[in-house]
Amino acid sequence: MAARNPARYLAPVAILATIAGGYLIVHNNLSSEHHTSHRHARVNDGPKGRYRHDTFYTVQPNDTLTSVSAATGVPIPTLEKLNPTININNLQTGQTIRLRR
């Protein structure tokens, strides 16, 4: 019986190492984007959630009307009613949105 070639064992190990490395790179990149996307520069860094009393919100990169609603506690229909001139499908970074009257 002939001796087995060591490459027969090294190839699957190399494939698994490549997959694990790719997973770690993607996972770290996604988690760092997730953490930075929730750091919004707001007009007032006072109380959060339902106790906030900001009148305006400045749109940050990658914000959507849904994310603005979640961050400020103002329902989407209210945002649409208070901001009839904004294009909800194309929010621009730096754009100001009214939250309350």
PDB file of N, CA and C in Angstrom:
ATOM      1  N   MET A   1       0.831  -1.165   0.000  1.00  0.00           N
ATOM      2  CA  MET A   1       0.000   0.000   0.000  1.00  0.00           C
ATOM      3  C   MET A   1       0.885   1.242   0.000  1.00  0.00           C
ATOM      4  N   ALA A   2       0.566   2.190  -0.842  1.00  0.00           N
ATOM      5  CA  ALA A   2       1.393   3.391  -1.010  1.00  0.00           C
ATOM      6  C   ALA A   2       1.126   4.381   0.122  1.00  0.00           C
ATOM      7  N   ALA A   3       2.123   5.191   0.439  1.00  0.00           N
ATOM      8  CA  ALA A   3       1.982   6.210   1.488  1.00  0.00           C
ATOM      9  C   ALA A   3       1.031   7.307   1.014  1.00  0.00           C
ATOM     10  N   ARG A   4       0.264   7.852   1.953  1.00  0.00           N
ATOM     11  CA  ARG A   4      -0.691   8.897   1.594  1.00  0.00           C
ATOM     12  C   ARG A   4       0.008  10.246   1.465  1.00  0.00           C
ATOM     13  N   ASN A   5      -0.479  11.017   0.542  1.00  0.00           N
ATOM     14  CA  ASN A   5       0.077  12.333   0.267  1.00  0.00           C
ATOM     15  C   ASN A   5      -0.402  13.311   1.349  1.00  0.00           C
ATOM     16  N   PRO A   6       0.513  14.104   1.988  1.00  0.00           N
ATOM     17  CA  PRO A   6       0.103  15.052   3.034  1.00  0.00           C
ATOM     18  C   PRO A   6      -0.836  16.134   2.501  1.00  0.00           C
ATOM     19  N   ALA A   7      -0.792  16.437   1.227  1.00  0.00           N
ATOM     20  CA  ALA A   7      -1.679  17.453   0.656  1.00  0.00           C
ATOM     21  C   ALA A   7      -3.139  17.028   0.772  1.00  0.00           C
ATOM     22  N   ARG A   8      -3.350  15.734   0.872  1.00  0.00           N
ATOM     23  CA  ARG A   8      -4.707  15.219   1.017  1.00  0.00           C
ATOM     24  C   ARG A   8      -5.344  15.726   2.313  1.00  0.00           C
ATOM     25  N   TYR A   9      -4.553  15.969   3.333  1.00  0.00           N
ATOM     26  CA  TYR A   9      -5.054  16.473   4.614  1.00  0.00           C
ATOM     27  C   TYR A   9      -4.961  18.002   4.702  1.00  0.00           C
ATOM     28  N   LEU A  10      -3.994  18.580   4.035  1.00  0.00           N
ATOM     29  CA  LEU A  10      -3.796  20.025   4.126  1.00  0.00           C
ATOM     30  C   LEU A  10      -4.835  20.818   3.332  1.00  0.00           C
ATOM     31  N   ALA A  11      -5.308  20.286   2.234  1.00  0.00           N
ATOM     32  CA  ALA A  11      -6.277  21.016   1.410  1.00  0.00           C
ATOM     33  C   ALA A  11      -7.576  21.291   2.168  1.00  0.00           C
ATOM     34  N   PRO A  12      -8.203  20.320   2.827  1.00  0.00           N
ATOM     35  CA  PRO A  12      -9.426  20.638   3.580  1.00  0.00           C
ATOM     36  C   PRO A  12      -9.181  21.604   4.740  1.00  0.00           C
ATOM     37  N   VAL A  13      -8.014  21.496   5.373  1.00  0.00           N
ATOM     38  CA  VAL A  13      -7.684  22.415   6.469  1.00  0.00           C
ATOM     39  C   VAL A  13      -7.557  23.834   5.921  1.00  0.00           C
ATOM     40  N   ALA A  14      -6.918  23.995   4.773  1.00  0.00           N
ATOM     41  CA  ALA A  14      -6.763  25.313   4.164  1.00  0.00           C
ATOM     42  C   ALA A  14      -8.123  25.891   3.768  1.00  0.00           C
ATOM     43  N   ILE A  15      -9.002  25.059   3.256  1.00  0.00           N
ATOM     44  CA  ILE A  15     -10.337  25.525   2.873  1.00  0.00           C
ATOM     45  C   ILE A  15     -11.107  25.988   4.108  1.00  0.00           C
ATOM     46  N   LEU A  16     -11.067  25.206   5.180  1.00  0.00           N
ATOM     47  CA  LEU A  16     -11.757  25.596   6.413  1.00  0.00           C
ATOM     48  C   LEU A  16     -11.185  26.887   7.012  1.00  0.00           C
ATOM     49  N   ALA A  17      -9.860  27.038   6.955  1.00  0.00           N
ATOM     50  CA  ALA A  17      -9.229  28.249   7.473  1.00  0.00           C
ATOM     51  C   ALA A  17      -9.646  29.466   6.652  1.00  0.00           C
ATOM     52  N   THR A  18      -9.757  29.317   5.343  1.00  0.00           N
ATOM     53  CA  THR A  18     -10.188  30.409   4.472  1.00  0.00           C
ATOM     54  C   THR A  18     -11.631  30.796   4.770  1.00  0.00           C
ATOM     55  N   ILE A  19     -12.492  29.820   4.942  1.00  0.00           N
ATOM     56  CA  ILE A  19     -13.899  30.098   5.259  1.00  0.00           C
ATOM     57  C   ILE A  19     -14.016  30.788   6.614  1.00  0.00           C
ATOM     58  N   ALA A  20     -13.287  30.300   7.616  1.00  0.00           N
ATOM     59  CA  ALA A  20     -13.343  30.900   8.950  1.00  0.00           C
ATOM     60  C   ALA A  20     -12.815  32.341   8.917  1.00  0.00           C
ATOM     61  N   GLY A  21     -11.738  32.577   8.195  1.00  0.00           N
ATOM     62  CA  GLY A  21     -11.186  33.931   8.081  1.00  0.00           C
ATOM     63  C   GLY A  21     -12.161  34.868   7.389  1.00  0.00           C
ATOM     64  N   GLY A  22     -12.786  34.403   6.326  1.00  0.00           N
ATOM     65  CA  GLY A  22     -13.773  35.223   5.621  1.00  0.00           C
ATOM     66  C   GLY A  22     -14.954  35.563   6.508  1.00  0.00           C
ATOM     67  N   TYR A  23     -15.421  34.585   7.272  1.00  0.00           N
ATOM     68  CA  TYR A  23     -16.532  34.816   8.196  1.00  0.00           C
ATOM     69  C   TYR A  23     -16.163  35.880   9.229  1.00  0.00           C
ATOM     70  N   LEU A  24     -14.982  35.768   9.815  1.00  0.00           N
ATOM     71  CA  LEU A  24     -14.564  36.728  10.835  1.00  0.00           C
ATOM     72  C   LEU A  24     -14.443  38.138  10.269  1.00  0.00           C
ATOM     73  N   ILE A  25     -13.927  38.263   9.069  1.00  0.00           N
ATOM     74  CA  ILE A  25     -13.790  39.584   8.446  1.00  0.00           C
ATOM     75  C   ILE A  25     -15.162  40.201   8.206  1.00  0.00           C
ATOM     76  N   VAL A  26     -16.065  39.430   7.626  1.00  0.00           N
ATOM     77  CA  VAL A  26     -17.410  39.946   7.350  1.00  0.00           C
ATOM     78  C   VAL A  26     -18.146  40.256   8.645  1.00  0.00           C
ATOM     79  N   HIS A  27     -18.057  39.375   9.625  1.00  0.00           N
ATOM     80  CA  HIS A  27     -18.748  39.582  10.892  1.00  0.00           C
ATOM     81  C   HIS A  27     -18.253  40.845  11.595  1.00  0.00           C
ATOM     82  N   ASN A  28     -16.944  41.043  11.654  1.00  0.00           N
ATOM     83  CA  ASN A  28     -16.389  42.240  12.299  1.00  0.00           C
ATOM     84  C   ASN A  28     -16.785  43.503  11.553  1.00  0.00           C
ATOM     85  N   ASN A  29     -16.807  43.442  10.227  1.00  0.00           N
ATOM     86  CA  ASN A  29     -17.183  44.609   9.442  1.00  0.00           C
ATOM     87  C   ASN A  29     -18.650  44.957   9.664  1.00  0.00           C
ATOM     88  N   LEU A  30     -19.514  43.968   9.691  1.00  0.00           N
ATOM     89  CA  LEU A  30     -20.940  44.221   9.908  1.00  0.00           C
ATOM     90  C   LEU A  30     -21.201  44.753  11.309  1.00  0.00           C
ATOM     91  N   SER A  31     -20.527  44.198  12.304  1.00  0.00           N
ATOM     92  CA  SER A  31     -20.779  44.657  13.668  1.00  0.00           C
ATOM     93  C   SER A  31     -20.239  46.069  13.877  1.00  0.00           C
ATOM     94  N   SER A  32     -19.133  46.444  13.213  1.00  0.00           N
ATOM     95  CA  SER A  32     -18.633  47.811  13.357  1.00  0.00           C
ATOM     96  C   SER A  32     -19.547  48.795  12.647  1.00  0.00           C
ATOM     97  N   GLU A  33     -20.147  48.414  11.501  1.00  0.00           N
ATOM     98  CA  GLU A  33     -21.105  49.285  10.828  1.00  0.00           C
ATOM     99  C   GLU A  33     -22.361  49.422  11.672  1.00  0.00           C
ATOM    100  N   HIS A  34     -22.770  48.334  12.311  1.00  0.00           N
ATOM    101  CA  HIS A  34     -23.975  48.368  13.148  1.00  0.00           C
ATOM    102  C   HIS A  34     -23.795  49.347  14.305  1.00  0.00           C
ATOM    103  N   HIS A  35     -22.640  49.321  14.939  1.00  0.00           N
ATOM    104  CA  HIS A  35     -22.411  50.188  16.086  1.00  0.00           C
ATOM    105  C   HIS A  35     -22.284  51.645  15.668  1.00  0.00           C
ATOM    106  N   THR A  36     -21.660  51.923  14.519  1.00  0.00           N
ATOM    107  CA  THR A  36     -21.497  53.315  14.117  1.00  0.00           C
ATOM    108  C   THR A  36     -22.775  53.888  13.552  1.00  0.00           C
ATOM    109  N   SER A  37     -23.681  53.049  13.026  1.00  0.00           N
ATOM    110  CA  SER A  37     -24.903  53.585  12.431  1.00  0.00           C
ATOM    111  C   SER A  37     -25.870  54.111  13.491  1.00  0.00           C
ATOM    112  N   HIS A  38     -25.700  53.746  14.749  1.00  0.00           N
ATOM    113  CA  HIS A  38     -26.599  54.197  15.793  1.00  0.00           C
ATOM    114  C   HIS A  38     -26.047  55.381  16.570  1.00  0.00           C
ATOM    115  N   ARG A  39     -24.922  55.905  16.141  1.00  0.00           N
ATOM    116  CA  ARG A  39     -24.362  57.088  16.794  1.00  0.00           C
ATOM    117  C   ARG A  39     -24.803  58.309  16.004  1.00  0.00           C
ATOM    118  N   HIS A  40     -25.934  58.867  16.368  1.00  0.00           N
ATOM    119  CA  HIS A  40     -26.484  60.005  15.659  1.00  0.00           C
ATOM    120  C   HIS A  40     -26.102  61.286  16.376  1.00  0.00           C
ATOM    121  N   ALA A  41     -25.697  62.267  15.596  1.00  0.00           N
ATOM    122  CA  ALA A  41     -25.479  63.590  16.170  1.00  0.00           C
ATOM    123  C   ALA A  41     -26.831  64.280  16.213  1.00  0.00           C
ATOM    124  N   ARG A  42     -27.330  64.531  17.385  1.00  0.00           N
ATOM    125  CA  ARG A  42     -28.659  65.108  17.533  1.00  0.00           C
ATOM    126  C   ARG A  42     -28.559  66.549  17.996  1.00  0.00           C
ATOM    127  N   VAL A  43     -29.640  67.258  17.808  1.00  0.00           N
ATOM    128  CA  VAL A  43     -29.688  68.646  18.230  1.00  0.00           C
ATOM    129  C   VAL A  43     -29.544  68.739  19.745  1.00  0.00           C
ATOM    130  N   ASN A  44     -30.130  67.794  20.467  1.00  0.00           N
ATOM    131  CA  ASN A  44     -30.128  67.813  21.929  1.00  0.00           C
ATOM    132  C   ASN A  44     -29.776  66.417  22.416  1.00  0.00           C
ATOM    133  N   ASP A  45     -28.715  66.278  23.186  1.00  0.00           N
ATOM    134  CA  ASP A  45     -28.349  64.967  23.709  1.00  0.00           C
ATOM    135  C   ASP A  45     -28.888  64.764  25.121  1.00  0.00           C
ATOM    136  N   GLY A  46     -30.056  65.279  25.392  1.00  0.00           N
ATOM    137  CA  GLY A  46     -30.704  65.133  26.691  1.00  0.00           C
ATOM    138  C   GLY A  46     -31.337  63.760  26.815  1.00  0.00           C
ATOM    139  N   PRO A  47     -32.495  63.687  27.436  1.00  0.00           N
ATOM    140  CA  PRO A  47     -33.170  62.405  27.636  1.00  0.00           C
ATOM    141  C   PRO A  47     -33.480  61.715  26.315  1.00  0.00           C
ATOM    142  N   LYS A  48     -33.548  60.406  26.343  1.00  0.00           N
ATOM    143  CA  LYS A  48     -33.802  59.609  25.154  1.00  0.00           C
ATOM    144  C   LYS A  48     -35.235  59.076  25.157  1.00  0.00           C
ATOM    145  N   GLY A  49     -35.665  58.550  24.012  1.00  0.00           N
ATOM    146  CA  GLY A  49     -36.948  57.867  23.903  1.00  0.00           C
ATOM    147  C   GLY A  49     -38.144  58.781  24.068  1.00  0.00           C
ATOM    148  N   ARG A  50     -39.156  58.315  24.802  1.00  0.00           N
ATOM    149  CA  ARG A  50     -40.408  59.059  24.900  1.00  0.00           C
ATOM    150  C   ARG A  50     -40.271  60.348  25.692  1.00  0.00           C
ATOM    151  N   TYR A  51     -39.160  60.532  26.396  1.00  0.00           N
ATOM    152  CA  TYR A  51     -38.972  61.732  27.193  1.00  0.00           C
ATOM    153  C   TYR A  51     -38.223  62.831  26.444  1.00  0.00           C
ATOM    154  N   ARG A  52     -37.826  62.558  25.219  1.00  0.00           N
ATOM    155  CA  ARG A  52     -37.129  63.567  24.417  1.00  0.00           C
ATOM    156  C   ARG A  52     -38.108  64.664  24.034  1.00  0.00           C
ATOM    157  N   HIS A  53     -37.604  65.856  23.913  1.00  0.00           N
ATOM    158  CA  HIS A  53     -38.460  66.964  23.517  1.00  0.00           C
ATOM    159  C   HIS A  53     -37.821  67.763  22.394  1.00  0.00           C
ATOM    160  N   ASP A  54     -37.028  67.118  21.533  1.00  0.00           N
ATOM    161  CA  ASP A  54     -36.441  67.802  20.395  1.00  0.00           C
ATOM    162  C   ASP A  54     -37.537  68.215  19.427  1.00  0.00           C
ATOM    163  N   THR A  55     -37.328  69.355  18.798  1.00  0.00           N
ATOM    164  CA  THR A  55     -38.271  69.818  17.801  1.00  0.00           C
ATOM    165  C   THR A  55     -37.824  69.400  16.410  1.00  0.00           C
ATOM    166  N   PHE A  56     -36.509  69.297  16.208  1.00  0.00           N
ATOM    167  CA  PHE A  56     -35.961  68.935  14.909  1.00  0.00           C
ATOM    168  C   PHE A  56     -34.954  67.802  15.056  1.00  0.00           C
ATOM    169  N   TYR A  57     -34.755  67.087  13.955  1.00  0.00           N
ATOM    170  CA  TYR A  57     -33.768  66.007  13.891  1.00  0.00           C
ATOM    171  C   TYR A  57     -32.940  66.226  12.642  1.00  0.00           C
ATOM    172  N   THR A  58     -31.624  66.090  12.754  1.00  0.00           N
ATOM    173  CA  THR A  58     -30.738  66.210  11.611  1.00  0.00           C
ATOM    174  C   THR A  58     -30.443  64.823  11.073  1.00  0.00           C
ATOM    175  N   VAL A  59     -30.721  64.613   9.790  1.00  0.00           N
ATOM    176  CA  VAL A  59     -30.555  63.303   9.158  1.00  0.00           C
ATOM    177  C   VAL A  59     -29.072  62.950   9.081  1.00  0.00           C
ATOM    178  N   GLN A  60     -28.745  61.722   9.473  1.00  0.00           N
ATOM    179  CA  GLN A  60     -27.386  61.193   9.454  1.00  0.00           C
ATOM    180  C   GLN A  60     -27.240  60.239   8.263  1.00  0.00           C
ATOM    181  N   PRO A  61     -26.006  59.877   7.890  1.00  0.00           N
ATOM    182  CA  PRO A  61     -25.823  58.934   6.778  1.00  0.00           C
ATOM    183  C   PRO A  61     -26.572  57.632   7.034  1.00  0.00           C
ATOM    184  N   ASN A  62     -27.201  57.108   6.010  1.00  0.00           N
ATOM    185  CA  ASN A  62     -27.947  55.838   6.024  1.00  0.00           C
ATOM    186  C   ASN A  62     -29.220  55.885   6.852  1.00  0.00           C
ATOM    187  N   ASP A  63     -29.697  57.060   7.235  1.00  0.00           N
ATOM    188  CA  ASP A  63     -30.963  57.164   7.954  1.00  0.00           C
ATOM    189  C   ASP A  63     -32.132  56.938   7.004  1.00  0.00           C
ATOM    190  N   THR A  64     -33.178  56.318   7.525  1.00  0.00           N
ATOM    191  CA  THR A  64     -34.443  56.188   6.820  1.00  0.00           C
ATOM    192  C   THR A  64     -35.510  56.777   7.727  1.00  0.00           C
ATOM    193  N   LEU A  65     -36.694  56.966   7.194  1.00  0.00           N
ATOM    194  CA  LEU A  65     -37.760  57.496   8.029  1.00  0.00           C
ATOM    195  C   LEU A  65     -38.070  56.535   9.172  1.00  0.00           C
ATOM    196  N   THR A  66     -37.936  55.242   8.917  1.00  0.00           N
ATOM    197  CA  THR A  66     -38.159  54.241   9.959  1.00  0.00           C
ATOM    198  C   THR A  66     -37.126  54.358  11.072  1.00  0.00           C
ATOM    199  N   SER A  67     -35.843  54.537  10.700  1.00  0.00           N
ATOM    200  CA  SER A  67     -34.802  54.648  11.729  1.00  0.00           C
ATOM    201  C   SER A  67     -34.937  55.951  12.511  1.00  0.00           C
ATOM    202  N   VAL A  68     -35.351  57.020  11.845  1.00  0.00           N
ATOM    203  CA  VAL A  68     -35.577  58.293  12.543  1.00  0.00           C
ATOM    204  C   VAL A  68     -36.730  58.128  13.529  1.00  0.00           C
ATOM    205  N   SER A  69     -37.790  57.458  13.099  1.00  0.00           N
ATOM    206  CA  SER A  69     -38.930  57.212  13.976  1.00  0.00           C
ATOM    207  C   SER A  69     -38.524  56.390  15.199  1.00  0.00           C
ATOM    208  N   ALA A  70     -37.730  55.354  14.969  1.00  0.00           N
ATOM    209  CA  ALA A  70     -37.294  54.506  16.082  1.00  0.00           C
ATOM    210  C   ALA A  70     -36.375  55.269  17.037  1.00  0.00           C
ATOM    211  N   ALA A  71     -35.500  56.118  16.499  1.00  0.00           N
ATOM    212  CA  ALA A  71     -34.544  56.840  17.342  1.00  0.00           C
ATOM    213  C   ALA A  71     -35.201  57.949  18.150  1.00  0.00           C
ATOM    214  N   THR A  72     -36.268  58.534  17.609  1.00  0.00           N
ATOM    215  CA  THR A  72     -36.870  59.684  18.273  1.00  0.00           C
ATOM    216  C   THR A  72     -38.172  59.363  18.993  1.00  0.00           C
ATOM    217  N   GLY A  73     -38.788  58.223  18.668  1.00  0.00           N
ATOM    218  CA  GLY A  73     -40.046  57.856  19.296  1.00  0.00           C
ATOM    219  C   GLY A  73     -41.251  58.537  18.679  1.00  0.00           C
ATOM    220  N   VAL A  74     -41.062  59.191  17.536  1.00  0.00           N
ATOM    221  CA  VAL A  74     -42.162  59.862  16.846  1.00  0.00           C
ATOM    222  C   VAL A  74     -42.677  58.917  15.761  1.00  0.00           C
ATOM    223  N   PRO A  75     -43.976  58.618  15.718  1.00  0.00           N
ATOM    224  CA  PRO A  75     -44.514  57.695  14.708  1.00  0.00           C
ATOM    225  C   PRO A  75     -44.310  58.216  13.280  1.00  0.00           C
ATOM    226  N   ILE A  76     -44.180  57.290  12.336  1.00  0.00           N
ATOM    227  CA  ILE A  76     -43.945  57.646  10.936  1.00  0.00           C
ATOM    228  C   ILE A  76     -45.073  58.533  10.377  1.00  0.00           C
ATOM    229  N   PRO A  77     -46.363  58.227  10.622  1.00  0.00           N
ATOM    230  CA  PRO A  77     -47.405  59.122  10.097  1.00  0.00           C
ATOM    231  C   PRO A  77     -47.274  60.560  10.612  1.00  0.00           C
ATOM    232  N   THR A  78     -46.841  60.719  11.851  1.00  0.00           N
ATOM    233  CA  THR A  78     -46.636  62.058  12.404  1.00  0.00           C
ATOM    234  C   THR A  78     -45.494  62.762  11.683  1.00  0.00           C
ATOM    235  N   LEU A  79     -44.407  62.035  11.427  1.00  0.00           N
ATOM    236  CA  LEU A  79     -43.283  62.623  10.690  1.00  0.00           C
ATOM    237  C   LEU A  79     -43.716  63.053   9.299  1.00  0.00           C
ATOM    238  N   GLU A  80     -44.507  62.212   8.633  1.00  0.00           N
ATOM    239  CA  GLU A  80     -44.977  62.550   7.289  1.00  0.00           C
ATOM    240  C   GLU A  80     -45.899  63.766   7.319  1.00  0.00           C
ATOM    241  N   LYS A  81     -46.748  63.862   8.334  1.00  0.00           N
ATOM    242  CA  LYS A  81     -47.678  64.980   8.457  1.00  0.00           C
ATOM    243  C   LYS A  81     -46.938  66.292   8.743  1.00  0.00           C
ATOM    244  N   LEU A  82     -45.919  66.240   9.592  1.00  0.00           N
ATOM    245  CA  LEU A  82     -45.176  67.446   9.951  1.00  0.00           C
ATOM    246  C   LEU A  82     -44.190  67.883   8.875  1.00  0.00           C
ATOM    247  N   ASN A  83     -43.843  66.980   7.964  1.00  0.00           N
ATOM    248  CA  ASN A  83     -42.857  67.266   6.927  1.00  0.00           C
ATOM    249  C   ASN A  83     -43.413  66.921   5.541  1.00  0.00           C
ATOM    250  N   PRO A  84     -44.420  67.650   5.073  1.00  0.00           N
ATOM    251  CA  PRO A  84     -45.046  67.286   3.800  1.00  0.00           C
ATOM    252  C   PRO A  84     -44.139  67.495   2.592  1.00  0.00           C
ATOM    253  N   THR A  85     -43.097  68.312   2.726  1.00  0.00           N
ATOM    254  CA  THR A  85     -42.249  68.603   1.563  1.00  0.00           C
ATOM    255  C   THR A  85     -41.074  67.647   1.405  1.00  0.00           C
ATOM    256  N   ILE A  86     -40.801  66.803   2.397  1.00  0.00           N
ATOM    257  CA  ILE A  86     -39.646  65.913   2.267  1.00  0.00           C
ATOM    258  C   ILE A  86     -40.004  64.698   1.431  1.00  0.00           C
ATOM    259  N   ASN A  87     -38.999  64.192   0.727  1.00  0.00           N
ATOM    260  CA  ASN A  87     -39.149  62.956  -0.042  1.00  0.00           C
ATOM    261  C   ASN A  87     -38.712  61.823   0.883  1.00  0.00           C
ATOM    262  N   ILE A  88     -39.656  61.028   1.372  1.00  0.00           N
ATOM    263  CA  ILE A  88     -39.332  60.003   2.363  1.00  0.00           C
ATOM    264  C   ILE A  88     -38.462  58.902   1.791  1.00  0.00           C
ATOM    265  N   ASN A  89     -38.390  58.783   0.468  1.00  0.00           N
ATOM    266  CA  ASN A  89     -37.552  57.760  -0.155  1.00  0.00           C
ATOM    267  C   ASN A  89     -36.150  58.260  -0.435  1.00  0.00           C
ATOM    268  N   ASN A  90     -35.888  59.544  -0.196  1.00  0.00           N
ATOM    269  CA  ASN A  90     -34.582  60.097  -0.516  1.00  0.00           C
ATOM    270  C   ASN A  90     -34.170  61.127   0.528  1.00  0.00           C
ATOM    271  N   LEU A  91     -33.962  60.689   1.761  1.00  0.00           N
ATOM    272  CA  LEU A  91     -33.500  61.599   2.802  1.00  0.00           C
ATOM    273  C   LEU A  91     -32.036  61.930   2.555  1.00  0.00           C
ATOM    274  N   GLN A  92     -31.688  63.193   2.724  1.00  0.00           N
ATOM    275  CA  GLN A  92     -30.324  63.654   2.489  1.00  0.00           C
ATOM    276  C   GLN A  92     -29.613  63.886   3.820  1.00  0.00           C
ATOM    277  N   THR A  93     -28.349  63.500   3.897  1.00  0.00           N
ATOM    278  CA  THR A  93     -27.556  63.732   5.103  1.00  0.00           C
ATOM    279  C   THR A  93     -27.504  65.233   5.378  1.00  0.00           C
ATOM    280  N   GLY A  94     -27.771  65.617   6.616  1.00  0.00           N
ATOM    281  CA  GLY A  94     -27.766  67.025   7.001  1.00  0.00           C
ATOM    282  C   GLY A  94     -29.127  67.685   6.895  1.00  0.00           C
ATOM    283  N   GLN A  95     -30.077  67.008   6.261  1.00  0.00           N
ATOM    284  CA  GLN A  95     -31.432  67.537   6.128  1.00  0.00           C
ATOM    285  C   GLN A  95     -32.085  67.586   7.515  1.00  0.00           C
ATOM    286  N   THR A  96     -32.886  68.614   7.762  1.00  0.00           N
ATOM    287  CA  THR A  96     -33.551  68.765   9.046  1.00  0.00           C
ATOM    288  C   THR A  96     -35.000  68.326   8.924  1.00  0.00           C
ATOM    289  N   ILE A  97     -35.439  67.506   9.866  1.00  0.00           N
ATOM    290  CA  ILE A  97     -36.807  66.996   9.885  1.00  0.00           C
ATOM    291  C   ILE A  97     -37.473  67.493  11.157  1.00  0.00           C
ATOM    292  N   ARG A  98     -38.704  67.997  11.016  1.00  0.00           N
ATOM    293  CA  ARG A  98     -39.465  68.463  12.177  1.00  0.00           C
ATOM    294  C   ARG A  98     -40.067  67.245  12.880  1.00  0.00           C
ATOM    295  N   LEU A  99     -39.907  67.213  14.216  1.00  0.00           N
ATOM    296  CA  LEU A  99     -40.438  66.131  15.029  1.00  0.00           C
ATOM    297  C   LEU A  99     -41.710  66.525  15.762  1.00  0.00           C
ATOM    298  N   ARG A 100     -41.774  67.783  16.168  1.00  0.00           N
ATOM    299  CA  ARG A 100     -42.919  68.284  16.940  1.00  0.00           C
ATOM    300  C   ARG A 100     -43.204  69.705  16.519  1.00  0.00           C
ATOM    301  N   ARG A 101     -44.380  70.185  16.875  1.00  0.00           N
ATOM    302  CA  ARG A 101     -44.732  71.597  16.592  1.00  0.00           C
ATOM    303  C   ARG A 101     -44.221  72.488  17.688  1.00  0.00           C
TER     304      ARG A 101
END
